[in-house]
Structure formats: C-alpha cells, structure tokens
Amino acid sequence: MPKSVVFVHGYSVRSLSTYGHFPALLVAHGFKPADIELSAFDSLDNCITCDDLAGALEHQVTLLEAQGLDITETAFVAHSTGAIIARRWMINRLLHNP
C-alpha cells in the first residue's frame, strides 16, 4: 500500500474538496492528512500545453520530494485532464532521468 497520495487534477482545480469524500476516506484508512497532496498548477488557459502542465507537476513533485516524499511509495490519482498530464509527466521524467 502506498504511504502517500498525490491528486492530479484536471482544469484549474484548487481544492481537495473537488475529490469529494475520497481524501477523508483515505484518512479513515490510515493516511495522515499531510500525506495527501493536491498538485497545484493553473491550467485554464488555452495557451498552456500538456508539456507545460507536466512541467508544473514536475516542479510540484520535486518540491514534495525535497520535503521527503518518496514517489516509489506514492499513488498518483488523476481526474480528467490530470490523467493526460500525469502520463506526460511520467514519460518526461523517465526520458530525462533514465
């Protein structure tokens, strides 16, 4: 079971409340609130590309890793466009950090 969860949202989500009761269910099953993160990036602009958003996710993950996040023990939960962003982020990370 993962030790932490990162939610990757679709267009311009700013709150974990978007995920309804799911974060509370995770806490009820042993996750600490500090182990549940929402990726935060501005996505509601037609000039922003998927690579831009993947770069923003990379920046957020890098900050979380600096605070102790181990992505090998992290589940990424994506919603809507977040799935495309997370997939691009994973591909880019693998290409740049073989």
PDB file of N, CA and C in Angstrom:
ATOM      1  N   MET A   1       0.842  -1.176   0.000  1.00  0.00           N
ATOM      2  CA  MET A   1       0.000   0.000   0.000  1.00  0.00           C
ATOM      3  C   MET A   1       0.892   1.246   0.000  1.00  0.00           C
ATOM      4  N   PRO A   2       0.523   2.268  -0.774  1.00  0.00           N
ATOM      5  CA  PRO A   2       1.345   3.485  -0.795  1.00  0.00           C
ATOM      6  C   PRO A   2       1.323   4.198   0.547  1.00  0.00           C
ATOM      7  N   LYS A   3       2.356   4.992   0.775  1.00  0.00           N
ATOM      8  CA  LYS A   3       2.440   5.782   2.006  1.00  0.00           C
ATOM      9  C   LYS A   3       1.851   7.170   1.832  1.00  0.00           C
ATOM     10  N   SER A   4       1.755   7.625   0.593  1.00  0.00           N
ATOM     11  CA  SER A   4       1.193   8.945   0.329  1.00  0.00           C
ATOM     12  C   SER A   4       0.427   8.920  -0.981  1.00  0.00           C
ATOM     13  N   VAL A   5      -0.391   9.966  -1.166  1.00  0.00           N
ATOM     14  CA  VAL A   5      -1.223  10.085  -2.359  1.00  0.00           C
ATOM     15  C   VAL A   5      -1.092  11.501  -2.897  1.00  0.00           C
ATOM     16  N   VAL A   6      -0.911  11.608  -4.212  1.00  0.00           N
ATOM     17  CA  VAL A   6      -0.912  12.910  -4.880  1.00  0.00           C
ATOM     18  C   VAL A   6      -2.077  12.898  -5.864  1.00  0.00           C
ATOM     19  N   PHE A   7      -2.978  13.851  -5.714  1.00  0.00           N
ATOM     20  CA  PHE A   7      -4.083  14.014  -6.649  1.00  0.00           C
ATOM     21  C   PHE A   7      -3.650  14.946  -7.768  1.00  0.00           C
ATOM     22  N   VAL A   8      -3.860  14.526  -8.998  1.00  0.00           N
ATOM     23  CA  VAL A   8      -3.524  15.338 -10.162  1.00  0.00           C
ATOM     24  C   VAL A   8      -4.852  15.708 -10.820  1.00  0.00           C
ATOM     25  N   HIS A   9      -5.174  16.994 -10.768  1.00  0.00           N
ATOM     26  CA  HIS A   9      -6.486  17.456 -11.200  1.00  0.00           C
ATOM     27  C   HIS A   9      -6.550  17.747 -12.689  1.00  0.00           C
ATOM     28  N   GLY A  10      -7.761  17.993 -13.122  1.00  0.00           N
ATOM     29  CA  GLY A  10      -7.989  18.448 -14.492  1.00  0.00           C
ATOM     30  C   GLY A  10      -7.871  19.957 -14.530  1.00  0.00           C
ATOM     31  N   TYR A  11      -8.771  20.614 -15.195  1.00  0.00           N
ATOM     32  CA  TYR A  11      -8.686  22.061 -15.364  1.00  0.00           C
ATOM     33  C   TYR A  11      -8.910  22.839 -14.075  1.00  0.00           C
ATOM     34  N   SER A  12      -7.924  23.609 -13.681  1.00  0.00           N
ATOM     35  CA  SER A  12      -7.961  24.646 -12.648  1.00  0.00           C
ATOM     36  C   SER A  12      -8.652  24.288 -11.339  1.00  0.00           C
ATOM     37  N   VAL A  13      -8.362  23.131 -10.815  1.00  0.00           N
ATOM     38  CA  VAL A  13      -8.863  22.739  -9.502  1.00  0.00           C
ATOM     39  C   VAL A  13      -7.922  23.308  -8.454  1.00  0.00           C
ATOM     40  N   ARG A  14      -8.452  23.846  -7.380  1.00  0.00           N
ATOM     41  CA  ARG A  14      -7.641  24.492  -6.348  1.00  0.00           C
ATOM     42  C   ARG A  14      -7.860  23.903  -4.954  1.00  0.00           C
ATOM     43  N   SER A  15      -8.687  22.860  -4.845  1.00  0.00           N
ATOM     44  CA  SER A  15      -9.014  22.350  -3.517  1.00  0.00           C
ATOM     45  C   SER A  15      -9.214  20.839  -3.552  1.00  0.00           C
ATOM     46  N   LEU A  16      -8.792  20.192  -2.469  1.00  0.00           N
ATOM     47  CA  LEU A  16      -9.047  18.749  -2.362  1.00  0.00           C
ATOM     48  C   LEU A  16     -10.540  18.450  -2.286  1.00  0.00           C
ATOM     49  N   SER A  17     -11.377  19.444  -1.973  1.00  0.00           N
ATOM     50  CA  SER A  17     -12.821  19.210  -1.885  1.00  0.00           C
ATOM     51  C   SER A  17     -13.395  18.750  -3.227  1.00  0.00           C
ATOM     52  N   THR A  18     -12.682  19.035  -4.302  1.00  0.00           N
ATOM     53  CA  THR A  18     -13.104  18.579  -5.622  1.00  0.00           C
ATOM     54  C   THR A  18     -13.195  17.054  -5.659  1.00  0.00           C
ATOM     55  N   TYR A  19     -12.421  16.407  -4.850  1.00  0.00           N
ATOM     56  CA  TYR A  19     -12.401  14.942  -4.834  1.00  0.00           C
ATOM     57  C   TYR A  19     -13.428  14.352  -3.865  1.00  0.00           C
ATOM     58  N   GLY A  20     -14.356  15.190  -3.396  1.00  0.00           N
ATOM     59  CA  GLY A  20     -15.436  14.721  -2.543  1.00  0.00           C
ATOM     60  C   GLY A  20     -14.914  14.131  -1.251  1.00  0.00           C
ATOM     61  N   HIS A  21     -15.431  12.969  -0.904  1.00  0.00           N
ATOM     62  CA  HIS A  21     -15.087  12.319   0.360  1.00  0.00           C
ATOM     63  C   HIS A  21     -13.840  11.445   0.261  1.00  0.00           C
ATOM     64  N   PHE A  22     -13.264  11.351  -0.923  1.00  0.00           N
ATOM     65  CA  PHE A  22     -12.128  10.441  -1.101  1.00  0.00           C
ATOM     66  C   PHE A  22     -10.961  10.745  -0.160  1.00  0.00           C
ATOM     67  N   PRO A  23     -10.512  12.003  -0.019  1.00  0.00           N
ATOM     68  CA  PRO A  23      -9.418  12.271   0.940  1.00  0.00           C
ATOM     69  C   PRO A  23      -9.779  11.855   2.370  1.00  0.00           C
ATOM     70  N   ALA A  24     -11.010  12.098   2.793  1.00  0.00           N
ATOM     71  CA  ALA A  24     -11.439  11.697   4.143  1.00  0.00           C
ATOM     72  C   ALA A  24     -11.445  10.177   4.284  1.00  0.00           C
ATOM     73  N   LEU A  25     -11.812   9.477   3.241  1.00  0.00           N
ATOM     74  CA  LEU A  25     -11.771   8.010   3.281  1.00  0.00           C
ATOM     75  C   LEU A  25     -10.340   7.512   3.428  1.00  0.00           C
ATOM     76  N   LEU A  26      -9.412   8.169   2.757  1.00  0.00           N
ATOM     77  CA  LEU A  26      -8.003   7.793   2.897  1.00  0.00           C
ATOM     78  C   LEU A  26      -7.532   7.999   4.327  1.00  0.00           C
ATOM     79  N   VAL A  27      -7.908   9.119   4.936  1.00  0.00           N
ATOM     80  CA  VAL A  27      -7.550   9.385   6.334  1.00  0.00           C
ATOM     81  C   VAL A  27      -8.177   8.332   7.239  1.00  0.00           C
ATOM     82  N   ALA A  28      -9.426   7.975   6.979  1.00  0.00           N
ATOM     83  CA  ALA A  28     -10.103   6.960   7.781  1.00  0.00           C
ATOM     84  C   ALA A  28      -9.431   5.591   7.673  1.00  0.00           C
ATOM     85  N   HIS A  29      -8.680   5.384   6.617  1.00  0.00           N
ATOM     86  CA  HIS A  29      -7.987   4.109   6.414  1.00  0.00           C
ATOM     87  C   HIS A  29      -6.485   4.205   6.683  1.00  0.00           C
ATOM     88  N   GLY A  30      -6.080   5.208   7.475  1.00  0.00           N
ATOM     89  CA  GLY A  30      -4.713   5.231   7.970  1.00  0.00           C
ATOM     90  C   GLY A  30      -3.773   6.265   7.389  1.00  0.00           C
ATOM     91  N   PHE A  31      -4.189   6.975   6.342  1.00  0.00           N
ATOM     92  CA  PHE A  31      -3.320   8.019   5.805  1.00  0.00           C
ATOM     93  C   PHE A  31      -3.386   9.242   6.704  1.00  0.00           C
ATOM     94  N   LYS A  32      -2.255   9.907   6.869  1.00  0.00           N
ATOM     95  CA  LYS A  32      -2.237  11.185   7.577  1.00  0.00           C
ATOM     96  C   LYS A  32      -2.612  12.280   6.574  1.00  0.00           C
ATOM     97  N   PRO A  33      -3.350  13.303   7.016  1.00  0.00           N
ATOM     98  CA  PRO A  33      -3.681  14.394   6.090  1.00  0.00           C
ATOM     99  C   PRO A  33      -2.448  14.975   5.403  1.00  0.00           C
ATOM    100  N   ALA A  34      -1.312  15.013   6.088  1.00  0.00           N
ATOM    101  CA  ALA A  34      -0.085  15.551   5.498  1.00  0.00           C
ATOM    102  C   ALA A  34       0.437  14.679   4.360  1.00  0.00           C
ATOM    103  N   ASP A  35      -0.049  13.436   4.268  1.00  0.00           N
ATOM    104  CA  ASP A  35       0.401  12.528   3.221  1.00  0.00           C
ATOM    105  C   ASP A  35      -0.495  12.564   1.983  1.00  0.00           C
ATOM    106  N   ILE A  36      -1.472  13.474   1.988  1.00  0.00           N
ATOM    107  CA  ILE A  36      -2.388  13.613   0.860  1.00  0.00           C
ATOM    108  C   ILE A  36      -2.161  14.990   0.254  1.00  0.00           C
ATOM    109  N   GLU A  37      -1.722  15.025  -0.976  1.00  0.00           N
ATOM    110  CA  GLU A  37      -1.349  16.277  -1.633  1.00  0.00           C
ATOM    111  C   GLU A  37      -2.215  16.510  -2.864  1.00  0.00           C
ATOM    112  N   LEU A  38      -2.445  17.762  -3.169  1.00  0.00           N
ATOM    113  CA  LEU A  38      -3.093  18.154  -4.410  1.00  0.00           C
ATOM    114  C   LEU A  38      -2.056  18.858  -5.260  1.00  0.00           C
ATOM    115  N   SER A  39      -1.823  18.350  -6.461  1.00  0.00           N
ATOM    116  CA  SER A  39      -0.914  19.066  -7.347  1.00  0.00           C
ATOM    117  C   SER A  39      -1.572  20.405  -7.652  1.00  0.00           C
ATOM    118  N   ALA A  40      -0.819  21.457  -7.642  1.00  0.00           N
ATOM    119  CA  ALA A  40      -1.386  22.793  -7.827  1.00  0.00           C
ATOM    120  C   ALA A  40      -0.726  23.480  -9.007  1.00  0.00           C
ATOM    121  N   PHE A  41      -1.470  23.636 -10.063  1.00  0.00           N
ATOM    122  CA  PHE A  41      -0.989  24.363 -11.223  1.00  0.00           C
ATOM    123  C   PHE A  41      -2.182  24.968 -11.935  1.00  0.00           C
ATOM    124  N   ASP A  42      -1.948  26.103 -12.562  1.00  0.00           N
ATOM    125  CA  ASP A  42      -3.001  26.827 -13.265  1.00  0.00           C
ATOM    126  C   ASP A  42      -3.134  26.233 -14.657  1.00  0.00           C
ATOM    127  N   SER A  43      -4.315  25.720 -14.987  1.00  0.00           N
ATOM    128  CA  SER A  43      -4.452  25.023 -16.258  1.00  0.00           C
ATOM    129  C   SER A  43      -5.552  25.591 -17.152  1.00  0.00           C
ATOM    130  N   LEU A  44      -6.256  26.608 -16.727  1.00  0.00           N
ATOM    131  CA  LEU A  44      -7.388  27.097 -17.506  1.00  0.00           C
ATOM    132  C   LEU A  44      -6.949  28.232 -18.438  1.00  0.00           C
ATOM    133  N   ASP A  45      -6.131  27.850 -19.402  1.00  0.00           N
ATOM    134  CA  ASP A  45      -5.628  28.801 -20.388  1.00  0.00           C
ATOM    135  C   ASP A  45      -5.285  28.004 -21.640  1.00  0.00           C
ATOM    136  N   ASN A  46      -5.880  28.354 -22.752  1.00  0.00           N
ATOM    137  CA  ASN A  46      -5.672  27.594 -23.985  1.00  0.00           C
ATOM    138  C   ASN A  46      -4.257  27.690 -24.536  1.00  0.00           C
ATOM    139  N   CYS A  47      -3.444  28.617 -24.020  1.00  0.00           N
ATOM    140  CA  CYS A  47      -2.055  28.749 -24.474  1.00  0.00           C
ATOM    141  C   CYS A  47      -1.125  27.778 -23.755  1.00  0.00           C
ATOM    142  N   ILE A  48      -1.603  27.164 -22.686  1.00  0.00           N
ATOM    143  CA  ILE A  48      -0.783  26.245 -21.902  1.00  0.00           C
ATOM    144  C   ILE A  48      -0.870  24.856 -22.525  1.00  0.00           C
ATOM    145  N   THR A  49       0.286  24.239 -22.750  1.00  0.00           N
ATOM    146  CA  THR A  49       0.328  22.915 -23.368  1.00  0.00           C
ATOM    147  C   THR A  49       0.394  21.814 -22.309  1.00  0.00           C
ATOM    148  N   CYS A  50       0.218  20.596 -22.755  1.00  0.00           N
ATOM    149  CA  CYS A  50       0.341  19.447 -21.860  1.00  0.00           C
ATOM    150  C   CYS A  50       1.750  19.374 -21.283  1.00  0.00           C
ATOM    151  N   ASP A  51       2.756  19.675 -22.087  1.00  0.00           N
ATOM    152  CA  ASP A  51       4.126  19.670 -21.577  1.00  0.00           C
ATOM    153  C   ASP A  51       4.331  20.755 -20.520  1.00  0.00           C
ATOM    154  N   ASP A  52       3.667  21.912 -20.702  1.00  0.00           N
ATOM    155  CA  ASP A  52       3.741  22.959 -19.682  1.00  0.00           C
ATOM    156  C   ASP A  52       3.173  22.440 -18.356  1.00  0.00           C
ATOM    157  N   LEU A  53       2.031  21.774 -18.430  1.00  0.00           N
ATOM    158  CA  LEU A  53       1.384  21.266 -17.222  1.00  0.00           C
ATOM    159  C   LEU A  53       2.190  20.124 -16.603  1.00  0.00           C
ATOM    160  N   ALA A  54       2.779  19.276 -17.454  1.00  0.00           N
ATOM    161  CA  ALA A  54       3.648  18.218 -16.939  1.00  0.00           C
ATOM    162  C   ALA A  54       4.866  18.826 -16.251  1.00  0.00           C
ATOM    163  N   GLY A  55       5.379  19.915 -16.790  1.00  0.00           N
ATOM    164  CA  GLY A  55       6.492  20.625 -16.155  1.00  0.00           C
ATOM    165  C   GLY A  55       6.086  21.201 -14.809  1.00  0.00           C
ATOM    166  N   ALA A  56       4.870  21.722 -14.723  1.00  0.00           N
ATOM    167  CA  ALA A  56       4.368  22.242 -13.451  1.00  0.00           C
ATOM    168  C   ALA A  56       4.215  21.118 -12.435  1.00  0.00           C
ATOM    169  N   LEU A  57       3.757  19.948 -12.898  1.00  0.00           N
ATOM    170  CA  LEU A  57       3.653  18.800 -11.995  1.00  0.00           C
ATOM    171  C   LEU A  57       5.045  18.360 -11.542  1.00  0.00           C
ATOM    172  N   GLU A  58       6.003  18.350 -12.447  1.00  0.00           N
ATOM    173  CA  GLU A  58       7.380  18.004 -12.084  1.00  0.00           C
ATOM    174  C   GLU A  58       7.905  18.964 -11.013  1.00  0.00           C
ATOM    175  N   HIS A  59       7.639  20.233 -11.185  1.00  0.00           N
ATOM    176  CA  HIS A  59       8.064  21.225 -10.191  1.00  0.00           C
ATOM    177  C   HIS A  59       7.437  20.916  -8.836  1.00  0.00           C
ATOM    178  N   GLN A  60       6.139  20.637  -8.816  1.00  0.00           N
ATOM    179  CA  GLN A  60       5.443  20.334  -7.560  1.00  0.00           C
ATOM    180  C   GLN A  60       5.996  19.052  -6.927  1.00  0.00           C
ATOM    181  N   VAL A  61       6.198  18.017  -7.722  1.00  0.00           N
ATOM    182  CA  VAL A  61       6.724  16.750  -7.198  1.00  0.00           C
ATOM    183  C   VAL A  61       8.138  16.945  -6.667  1.00  0.00           C
ATOM    184  N   THR A  62       8.955  17.717  -7.366  1.00  0.00           N
ATOM    185  CA  THR A  62      10.318  17.993  -6.905  1.00  0.00           C
ATOM    186  C   THR A  62      10.300  18.679  -5.543  1.00  0.00           C
ATOM    187  N   LEU A  63       9.387  19.645  -5.367  1.00  0.00           N
ATOM    188  CA  LEU A  63       9.247  20.303  -4.060  1.00  0.00           C
ATOM    189  C   LEU A  63       8.827  19.308  -2.985  1.00  0.00           C
ATOM    190  N   LEU A  64       7.885  18.425  -3.317  1.00  0.00           N
ATOM    191  CA  LEU A  64       7.437  17.418  -2.352  1.00  0.00           C
ATOM    192  C   LEU A  64       8.560  16.434  -2.022  1.00  0.00           C
ATOM    193  N   GLU A  65       9.343  16.060  -3.029  1.00  0.00           N
ATOM    194  CA  GLU A  65      10.478  15.164  -2.780  1.00  0.00           C
ATOM    195  C   GLU A  65      11.489  15.823  -1.850  1.00  0.00           C
ATOM    196  N   ALA A  66      11.693  17.111  -2.005  1.00  0.00           N
ATOM    197  CA  ALA A  66      12.624  17.844  -1.126  1.00  0.00           C
ATOM    198  C   ALA A  66      12.119  17.840   0.318  1.00  0.00           C
ATOM    199  N   GLN A  67      10.801  17.658   0.485  1.00  0.00           N
ATOM    200  CA  GLN A  67      10.207  17.600   1.822  1.00  0.00           C
ATOM    201  C   GLN A  67      10.094  16.158   2.332  1.00  0.00           C
ATOM    202  N   GLY A  68      10.599  15.196   1.541  1.00  0.00           N
ATOM    203  CA  GLY A  68      10.623  13.814   1.993  1.00  0.00           C
ATOM    204  C   GLY A  68       9.707  12.851   1.263  1.00  0.00           C
ATOM    205  N   LEU A  69       8.955  13.323   0.282  1.00  0.00           N
ATOM    206  CA  LEU A  69       8.077  12.426  -0.474  1.00  0.00           C
ATOM    207  C   LEU A  69       8.917  11.425  -1.252  1.00  0.00           C
ATOM    208  N   ASP A  70       8.558  10.156  -1.146  1.00  0.00           N
ATOM    209  CA  ASP A  70       9.206   9.094  -1.916  1.00  0.00           C
ATOM    210  C   ASP A  70       8.207   8.648  -2.972  1.00  0.00           C
ATOM    211  N   ILE A  71       8.442   9.019  -4.235  1.00  0.00           N
ATOM    212  CA  ILE A  71       7.440   8.683  -5.251  1.00  0.00           C
ATOM    213  C   ILE A  71       7.334   7.185  -5.504  1.00  0.00           C
ATOM    214  N   THR A  72       8.321   6.420  -5.067  1.00  0.00           N
ATOM    215  CA  THR A  72       8.200   4.964  -5.219  1.00  0.00           C
ATOM    216  C   THR A  72       7.193   4.386  -4.234  1.00  0.00           C
ATOM    217  N   GLU A  73       6.785   5.201  -3.265  1.00  0.00           N
ATOM    218  CA  GLU A  73       5.781   4.781  -2.282  1.00  0.00           C
ATOM    219  C   GLU A  73       4.563   5.702  -2.322  1.00  0.00           C
ATOM    220  N   THR A  74       4.313   6.281  -3.501  1.00  0.00           N
ATOM    221  CA  THR A  74       3.236   7.247  -3.665  1.00  0.00           C
ATOM    222  C   THR A  74       2.290   6.800  -4.767  1.00  0.00           C
ATOM    223  N   ALA A  75       0.995   6.923  -4.491  1.00  0.00           N
ATOM    224  CA  ALA A  75      -0.025   6.689  -5.516  1.00  0.00           C
ATOM    225  C   ALA A  75      -0.407   8.035  -6.117  1.00  0.00           C
ATOM    226  N   PHE A  76      -0.532   8.073  -7.415  1.00  0.00           N
ATOM    227  CA  PHE A  76      -0.998   9.270  -8.105  1.00  0.00           C
ATOM    228  C   PHE A  76      -2.411   8.996  -8.590  1.00  0.00           C
ATOM    229  N   VAL A  77      -3.352   9.814  -8.132  1.00  0.00           N
ATOM    230  CA  VAL A  77      -4.753   9.680  -8.507  1.00  0.00           C
ATOM    231  C   VAL A  77      -5.094  10.849  -9.421  1.00  0.00           C
ATOM    232  N   ALA A  78      -5.483  10.546 -10.646  1.00  0.00           N
ATOM    233  CA  ALA A  78      -5.731  11.594 -11.629  1.00  0.00           C
ATOM    234  C   ALA A  78      -7.207  11.674 -11.976  1.00  0.00           C
ATOM    235  N   HIS A  79      -7.640  12.892 -12.236  1.00  0.00           N
ATOM    236  CA  HIS A  79      -9.015  13.142 -12.665  1.00  0.00           C
ATOM    237  C   HIS A  79      -8.995  13.934 -13.963  1.00  0.00           C
ATOM    238  N   SER A  80      -9.758  13.500 -14.918  1.00  0.00           N
ATOM    239  CA  SER A  80      -9.957  14.227 -16.161  1.00  0.00           C
ATOM    240  C   SER A  80      -8.619  14.495 -16.850  1.00  0.00           C
ATOM    241  N   THR A  81      -8.337  15.730 -17.182  1.00  0.00           N
ATOM    242  CA  THR A  81      -7.102  16.091 -17.864  1.00  0.00           C
ATOM    243  C   THR A  81      -5.878  15.710 -17.044  1.00  0.00           C
ATOM    244  N   GLY A  82      -6.054  15.562 -15.736  1.00  0.00           N
ATOM    245  CA  GLY A  82      -4.949  15.160 -14.871  1.00  0.00           C
ATOM    246  C   GLY A  82      -4.316  13.849 -15.302  1.00  0.00           C
ATOM    247  N   ALA A  83      -5.110  12.952 -15.893  1.00  0.00           N
ATOM    248  CA  ALA A  83      -4.556  11.673 -16.356  1.00  0.00           C
ATOM    249  C   ALA A  83      -3.565  11.889 -17.497  1.00  0.00           C
ATOM    250  N   ILE A  84      -3.899  12.783 -18.410  1.00  0.00           N
ATOM    251  CA  ILE A  84      -3.012  13.080 -19.535  1.00  0.00           C
ATOM    252  C   ILE A  84      -1.748  13.770 -19.029  1.00  0.00           C
ATOM    253  N   ILE A  85      -1.926  14.682 -18.086  1.00  0.00           N
ATOM    254  CA  ILE A  85      -0.787  15.407 -17.511  1.00  0.00           C
ATOM    255  C   ILE A  85       0.142  14.432 -16.782  1.00  0.00           C
ATOM    256  N   ALA A  86      -0.442  13.545 -15.956  1.00  0.00           N
ATOM    257  CA  ALA A  86       0.365  12.585 -15.198  1.00  0.00           C
ATOM    258  C   ALA A  86       1.120  11.646 -16.133  1.00  0.00           C
ATOM    259  N   ARG A  87       0.470  11.214 -17.202  1.00  0.00           N
ATOM    260  CA  ARG A  87       1.145  10.326 -18.157  1.00  0.00           C
ATOM    261  C   ARG A  87       2.316  11.053 -18.818  1.00  0.00           C
ATOM    262  N   ARG A  88       2.106  12.297 -19.259  1.00  0.00           N
ATOM    263  CA  ARG A  88       3.182  13.068 -19.879  1.00  0.00           C
ATOM    264  C   ARG A  88       4.312  13.306 -18.885  1.00  0.00           C
ATOM    265  N   TRP A  89       3.960  13.611 -17.615  1.00  0.00           N
ATOM    266  CA  TRP A  89       4.968  13.827 -16.572  1.00  0.00           C
ATOM    267  C   TRP A  89       5.825  12.576 -16.396  1.00  0.00           C
ATOM    268  N   MET A  90       5.187  11.402 -16.334  1.00  0.00           N
ATOM    269  CA  MET A  90       5.937  10.155 -16.155  1.00  0.00           C
ATOM    270  C   MET A  90       6.872   9.914 -17.338  1.00  0.00           C
ATOM    271  N   ILE A  91       6.373  10.110 -18.553  1.00  0.00           N
ATOM    272  CA  ILE A  91       7.204   9.909 -19.743  1.00  0.00           C
ATOM    273  C   ILE A  91       8.384  10.874 -19.722  1.00  0.00           C
ATOM    274  N   ASN A  92       8.112  12.157 -19.449  1.00  0.00           N
ATOM    275  CA  ASN A  92       9.193  13.145 -19.416  1.00  0.00           C
ATOM    276  C   ASN A  92      10.216  12.811 -18.343  1.00  0.00           C
ATOM    277  N   ARG A  93       9.756  12.386 -17.183  1.00  0.00           N
ATOM    278  CA  ARG A  93      10.683  12.075 -16.082  1.00  0.00           C
ATOM    279  C   ARG A  93      11.556  10.890 -16.458  1.00  0.00           C
ATOM    280  N   LEU A  94      10.976   9.883 -17.059  1.00  0.00           N
ATOM    281  CA  LEU A  94      11.758   8.717 -17.470  1.00  0.00           C
ATOM    282  C   LEU A  94      12.765   9.071 -18.564  1.00  0.00           C
ATOM    283  N   LEU A  95      12.377   9.942 -19.474  1.00  0.00           N
ATOM    284  CA  LEU A  95      13.288  10.356 -20.543  1.00  0.00           C
ATOM    285  C   LEU A  95      14.452  11.188 -20.024  1.00  0.00           C
ATOM    286  N   HIS A  96      14.198  12.014 -19.017  1.00  0.00           N
ATOM    287  CA  HIS A  96      15.238  12.919 -18.501  1.00  0.00           C
ATOM    288  C   HIS A  96      16.016  12.334 -17.341  1.00  0.00           C
ATOM    289  N   ASN A  97      15.511  11.279 -16.725  1.00  0.00           N
ATOM    290  CA  ASN A  97      16.188  10.639 -15.571  1.00  0.00           C
ATOM    291  C   ASN A  97      16.187   9.132 -15.742  1.00  0.00           C
ATOM    292  N   PRO A  98      16.890   8.614 -16.756  1.00  0.00           N
ATOM    293  CA  PRO A  98      16.842   7.145 -17.013  1.00  0.00           C
ATOM    294  C   PRO A  98      17.405   6.312 -15.894  1.00  0.00           C
TER     295      PRO A  98
END
